[in-house]
Amino acid sequence: MKKNSRLIVKKLQVTEKSARLAEKENKYFFIVNASSNKIEIKGAVEELYKVSVSKVNTVNYSGKLKRERTMKYGRKSDWKRAIVTLAEGSKIELT
């Protein structure tokens, strides 16, 4: 069963580092579903942005432990970042 591309790729992450890498090395950062694999991410990015993907790297981040004033502890959600390298000639407009 194929997942919806919008459920796999949550958003394009634009930071100073990601903007610099997009300009120099044609790499873009995406926040993705934590259960998605590299093949699903590649297909979703190609479908959503109409570009050709050459490589996908992923990084898993664990959620931070947060404390309230009342000494109650909570936890931020775990998340996953995908660093997608596009093929020569492909580009995503950063807005």
N, C-alpha and C. Protein backbone atom coordinates (compact mmCIF):
# COMPACT_ATOMS: atom_id res chain seq x y z
N MET A 1 0.83 -1.17 0.00
CA MET A 1 0.00 0.00 0.00
C MET A 1 0.88 1.25 0.00
N LYS A 2 0.67 2.12 -0.96
CA LYS A 2 1.49 3.31 -1.10
C LYS A 2 0.98 4.42 -0.18
N LYS A 3 1.91 5.09 0.50
CA LYS A 3 1.56 6.20 1.37
C LYS A 3 1.38 7.47 0.54
N ASN A 4 0.59 8.38 1.05
CA ASN A 4 0.41 9.68 0.42
C ASN A 4 1.70 10.49 0.57
N SER A 5 2.12 11.17 -0.48
CA SER A 5 3.37 11.93 -0.45
C SER A 5 3.34 13.05 0.58
N ARG A 6 2.18 13.65 0.78
CA ARG A 6 2.05 14.72 1.78
C ARG A 6 2.18 14.19 3.20
N LEU A 7 1.90 12.90 3.42
CA LEU A 7 2.08 12.31 4.75
C LEU A 7 3.54 11.95 5.00
N ILE A 8 4.29 11.70 3.95
CA ILE A 8 5.71 11.36 4.08
C ILE A 8 6.54 12.62 4.31
N VAL A 9 6.41 13.59 3.41
CA VAL A 9 7.16 14.85 3.51
C VAL A 9 6.27 15.87 4.19
N LYS A 10 6.64 16.26 5.41
CA LYS A 10 5.83 17.22 6.16
C LYS A 10 6.08 18.64 5.71
N LYS A 11 7.37 19.04 5.64
CA LYS A 11 7.67 20.40 5.19
C LYS A 11 9.13 20.51 4.79
N LEU A 12 9.40 21.53 4.00
CA LEU A 12 10.76 21.90 3.60
C LEU A 12 11.33 22.76 4.71
N GLN A 13 12.49 22.39 5.23
CA GLN A 13 13.09 23.13 6.34
C GLN A 13 14.08 24.14 5.77
N VAL A 14 13.81 25.43 5.99
CA VAL A 14 14.68 26.48 5.48
C VAL A 14 15.36 27.16 6.66
N THR A 15 16.68 26.96 6.75
CA THR A 15 17.51 27.60 7.76
C THR A 15 18.70 28.22 7.04
N GLU A 16 19.58 28.88 7.77
CA GLU A 16 20.78 29.45 7.15
C GLU A 16 21.64 28.34 6.56
N LYS A 17 21.80 27.26 7.30
CA LYS A 17 22.62 26.15 6.83
C LYS A 17 22.00 25.49 5.60
N SER A 18 20.69 25.25 5.64
CA SER A 18 20.05 24.58 4.51
C SER A 18 20.04 25.47 3.27
N ALA A 19 19.89 26.78 3.44
CA ALA A 19 19.93 27.69 2.29
C ALA A 19 21.32 27.71 1.66
N ARG A 20 22.35 27.68 2.49
CA ARG A 20 23.73 27.66 1.99
C ARG A 20 24.02 26.36 1.23
N LEU A 21 23.59 25.22 1.79
CA LEU A 21 23.82 23.94 1.12
C LEU A 21 22.99 23.81 -0.16
N ALA A 22 21.81 24.40 -0.17
CA ALA A 22 20.98 24.36 -1.38
C ALA A 22 21.65 25.12 -2.51
N GLU A 23 22.27 26.24 -2.16
CA GLU A 23 22.93 27.06 -3.17
C GLU A 23 24.22 26.43 -3.67
N LYS A 24 25.04 25.91 -2.75
CA LYS A 24 26.36 25.40 -3.12
C LYS A 24 26.35 23.95 -3.61
N GLU A 25 25.64 23.07 -2.89
CA GLU A 25 25.74 21.64 -3.16
C GLU A 25 24.44 21.01 -3.64
N ASN A 26 23.39 21.82 -3.83
CA ASN A 26 22.10 21.33 -4.33
C ASN A 26 21.47 20.31 -3.37
N LYS A 27 21.59 20.58 -2.04
CA LYS A 27 21.01 19.72 -1.01
C LYS A 27 19.90 20.47 -0.30
N TYR A 28 18.79 19.78 -0.05
CA TYR A 28 17.63 20.39 0.59
C TYR A 28 17.23 19.57 1.80
N PHE A 29 16.77 20.26 2.87
CA PHE A 29 16.39 19.61 4.12
C PHE A 29 14.88 19.54 4.20
N PHE A 30 14.37 18.36 4.58
CA PHE A 30 12.94 18.15 4.74
C PHE A 30 12.68 17.52 6.10
N ILE A 31 11.58 17.93 6.75
CA ILE A 31 11.08 17.24 7.93
C ILE A 31 10.13 16.17 7.40
N VAL A 32 10.39 14.91 7.75
CA VAL A 32 9.62 13.80 7.19
C VAL A 32 9.02 12.95 8.31
N ASN A 33 8.11 12.08 7.92
CA ASN A 33 7.50 11.14 8.85
C ASN A 33 8.59 10.21 9.39
N ALA A 34 8.60 9.99 10.69
CA ALA A 34 9.66 9.21 11.32
C ALA A 34 9.69 7.75 10.87
N SER A 35 8.58 7.23 10.37
CA SER A 35 8.55 5.83 9.95
C SER A 35 8.84 5.66 8.46
N SER A 36 9.11 6.73 7.75
CA SER A 36 9.37 6.65 6.31
C SER A 36 10.82 6.23 6.05
N ASN A 37 11.02 5.47 4.98
CA ASN A 37 12.37 5.08 4.61
C ASN A 37 12.86 5.93 3.44
N LYS A 38 14.12 5.72 3.04
CA LYS A 38 14.74 6.56 2.02
C LYS A 38 14.06 6.42 0.66
N ILE A 39 13.60 5.24 0.32
CA ILE A 39 12.95 5.01 -0.97
C ILE A 39 11.63 5.77 -1.03
N GLU A 40 10.85 5.73 0.05
CA GLU A 40 9.59 6.46 0.10
C GLU A 40 9.82 7.97 0.04
N ILE A 41 10.84 8.44 0.74
CA ILE A 41 11.16 9.87 0.75
C ILE A 41 11.56 10.34 -0.65
N LYS A 42 12.38 9.56 -1.32
CA LYS A 42 12.81 9.91 -2.68
C LYS A 42 11.61 10.01 -3.62
N GLY A 43 10.72 9.04 -3.58
CA GLY A 43 9.54 9.06 -4.43
C GLY A 43 8.62 10.23 -4.13
N ALA A 44 8.46 10.54 -2.84
CA ALA A 44 7.57 11.64 -2.45
C ALA A 44 8.12 12.99 -2.89
N VAL A 45 9.42 13.21 -2.74
CA VAL A 45 10.03 14.48 -3.15
C VAL A 45 9.94 14.64 -4.66
N GLU A 46 10.20 13.56 -5.40
CA GLU A 46 10.12 13.63 -6.86
C GLU A 46 8.69 13.92 -7.31
N GLU A 47 7.71 13.35 -6.62
CA GLU A 47 6.31 13.56 -6.99
C GLU A 47 5.83 14.97 -6.63
N LEU A 48 6.18 15.45 -5.44
CA LEU A 48 5.68 16.74 -4.98
C LEU A 48 6.34 17.93 -5.68
N TYR A 49 7.66 17.86 -5.88
CA TYR A 49 8.41 19.00 -6.39
C TYR A 49 8.82 18.86 -7.85
N LYS A 50 8.51 17.73 -8.49
CA LYS A 50 8.81 17.50 -9.91
C LYS A 50 10.30 17.71 -10.21
N VAL A 51 11.15 17.06 -9.39
CA VAL A 51 12.60 17.14 -9.56
C VAL A 51 13.16 15.72 -9.60
N SER A 52 14.43 15.61 -9.95
CA SER A 52 15.11 14.32 -9.98
C SER A 52 16.05 14.24 -8.77
N VAL A 53 15.87 13.23 -7.94
CA VAL A 53 16.65 13.05 -6.71
C VAL A 53 17.77 12.05 -6.98
N SER A 54 19.00 12.42 -6.58
CA SER A 54 20.12 11.50 -6.76
C SER A 54 20.50 10.77 -5.48
N LYS A 55 20.26 11.38 -4.30
CA LYS A 55 20.70 10.77 -3.05
C LYS A 55 19.84 11.27 -1.89
N VAL A 56 19.60 10.39 -0.90
CA VAL A 56 18.84 10.76 0.30
C VAL A 56 19.61 10.28 1.54
N ASN A 57 19.83 11.20 2.48
CA ASN A 57 20.39 10.87 3.78
C ASN A 57 19.36 11.22 4.84
N THR A 58 19.27 10.42 5.90
CA THR A 58 18.30 10.68 6.95
C THR A 58 18.98 10.76 8.30
N VAL A 59 18.40 11.57 9.19
CA VAL A 59 18.89 11.72 10.56
C VAL A 59 17.69 11.64 11.49
N ASN A 60 17.76 10.78 12.50
CA ASN A 60 16.70 10.67 13.50
C ASN A 60 17.06 11.51 14.71
N TYR A 61 16.11 12.32 15.18
CA TYR A 61 16.30 13.15 16.36
C TYR A 61 15.34 12.67 17.44
N SER A 62 15.84 12.58 18.67
CA SER A 62 14.96 12.20 19.78
C SER A 62 14.41 13.48 20.41
N GLY A 63 13.16 13.41 20.87
CA GLY A 63 12.51 14.57 21.47
C GLY A 63 13.12 14.92 22.81
N LYS A 64 13.14 16.21 23.10
CA LYS A 64 13.73 16.68 24.34
C LYS A 64 12.75 16.53 25.50
N LEU A 65 13.29 16.34 26.69
CA LEU A 65 12.49 16.28 27.90
C LEU A 65 12.27 17.71 28.39
N LYS A 66 11.04 18.08 28.63
CA LYS A 66 10.70 19.44 29.07
C LYS A 66 10.04 19.39 30.44
N ARG A 67 10.30 20.43 31.26
CA ARG A 67 9.75 20.50 32.60
C ARG A 67 8.94 21.78 32.74
N GLU A 68 7.76 21.66 33.34
CA GLU A 68 6.92 22.82 33.62
C GLU A 68 7.23 23.34 35.02
N ARG A 69 6.65 24.46 35.36
CA ARG A 69 6.87 25.05 36.68
C ARG A 69 6.33 24.18 37.80
N THR A 70 5.34 23.39 37.51
CA THR A 70 4.73 22.56 38.55
C THR A 70 5.44 21.22 38.70
N MET A 71 6.66 21.14 38.17
CA MET A 71 7.49 19.93 38.27
C MET A 71 6.90 18.75 37.50
N LYS A 72 6.06 19.04 36.54
CA LYS A 72 5.56 17.99 35.66
C LYS A 72 6.48 17.90 34.47
N TYR A 73 6.76 16.69 34.06
CA TYR A 73 7.65 16.49 32.92
C TYR A 73 6.85 16.09 31.69
N GLY A 74 7.27 16.59 30.58
CA GLY A 74 6.69 16.22 29.30
C GLY A 74 7.81 15.96 28.32
N ARG A 75 7.45 15.54 27.14
CA ARG A 75 8.47 15.20 26.15
C ARG A 75 8.03 15.70 24.79
N LYS A 76 8.96 16.34 24.08
CA LYS A 76 8.71 16.74 22.70
C LYS A 76 8.74 15.48 21.83
N SER A 77 8.11 15.53 20.69
CA SER A 77 8.05 14.36 19.81
C SER A 77 9.39 14.09 19.15
N ASP A 78 9.65 12.82 18.87
CA ASP A 78 10.80 12.44 18.06
C ASP A 78 10.51 12.85 16.62
N TRP A 79 11.56 13.17 15.85
CA TRP A 79 11.35 13.57 14.47
C TRP A 79 12.52 13.13 13.60
N LYS A 80 12.32 13.23 12.31
CA LYS A 80 13.31 12.77 11.34
C LYS A 80 13.54 13.85 10.29
N ARG A 81 14.81 14.05 9.94
CA ARG A 81 15.18 15.00 8.89
C ARG A 81 15.77 14.21 7.73
N ALA A 82 15.38 14.59 6.53
CA ALA A 82 15.96 14.00 5.32
C ALA A 82 16.74 15.07 4.59
N ILE A 83 17.98 14.75 4.23
CA ILE A 83 18.81 15.65 3.43
C ILE A 83 18.83 15.07 2.03
N VAL A 84 18.18 15.76 1.10
CA VAL A 84 17.97 15.26 -0.25
C VAL A 84 18.90 15.98 -1.21
N THR A 85 19.72 15.22 -1.93
CA THR A 85 20.59 15.78 -2.95
C THR A 85 19.92 15.61 -4.30
N LEU A 86 19.77 16.71 -5.02
CA LEU A 86 19.12 16.68 -6.32
C LEU A 86 20.14 16.46 -7.43
N ALA A 87 19.67 15.91 -8.54
CA ALA A 87 20.52 15.69 -9.70
C ALA A 87 20.87 17.03 -10.34
N GLU A 88 21.90 17.02 -11.17
CA GLU A 88 22.31 18.23 -11.89
C GLU A 88 21.15 18.78 -12.70
N GLY A 89 20.96 20.09 -12.62
CA GLY A 89 19.89 20.73 -13.38
C GLY A 89 18.57 20.82 -12.66
N SER A 90 18.40 20.10 -11.56
CA SER A 90 17.16 20.17 -10.78
C SER A 90 17.32 21.20 -9.68
N LYS A 91 16.23 21.91 -9.37
CA LYS A 91 16.29 22.93 -8.34
C LYS A 91 14.90 23.13 -7.75
N ILE A 92 14.86 23.41 -6.43
CA ILE A 92 13.62 23.75 -5.73
C ILE A 92 13.73 25.21 -5.31
N GLU A 93 12.71 25.99 -5.60
CA GLU A 93 12.72 27.40 -5.22
C GLU A 93 12.43 27.53 -3.73
N LEU A 94 13.35 28.16 -2.99
CA LEU A 94 13.17 28.39 -1.56
C LEU A 94 12.38 29.68 -1.38
N THR A 95 11.26 29.59 -0.68
CA THR A 95 10.45 30.79 -0.46
C THR A 95 10.21 31.02 1.01
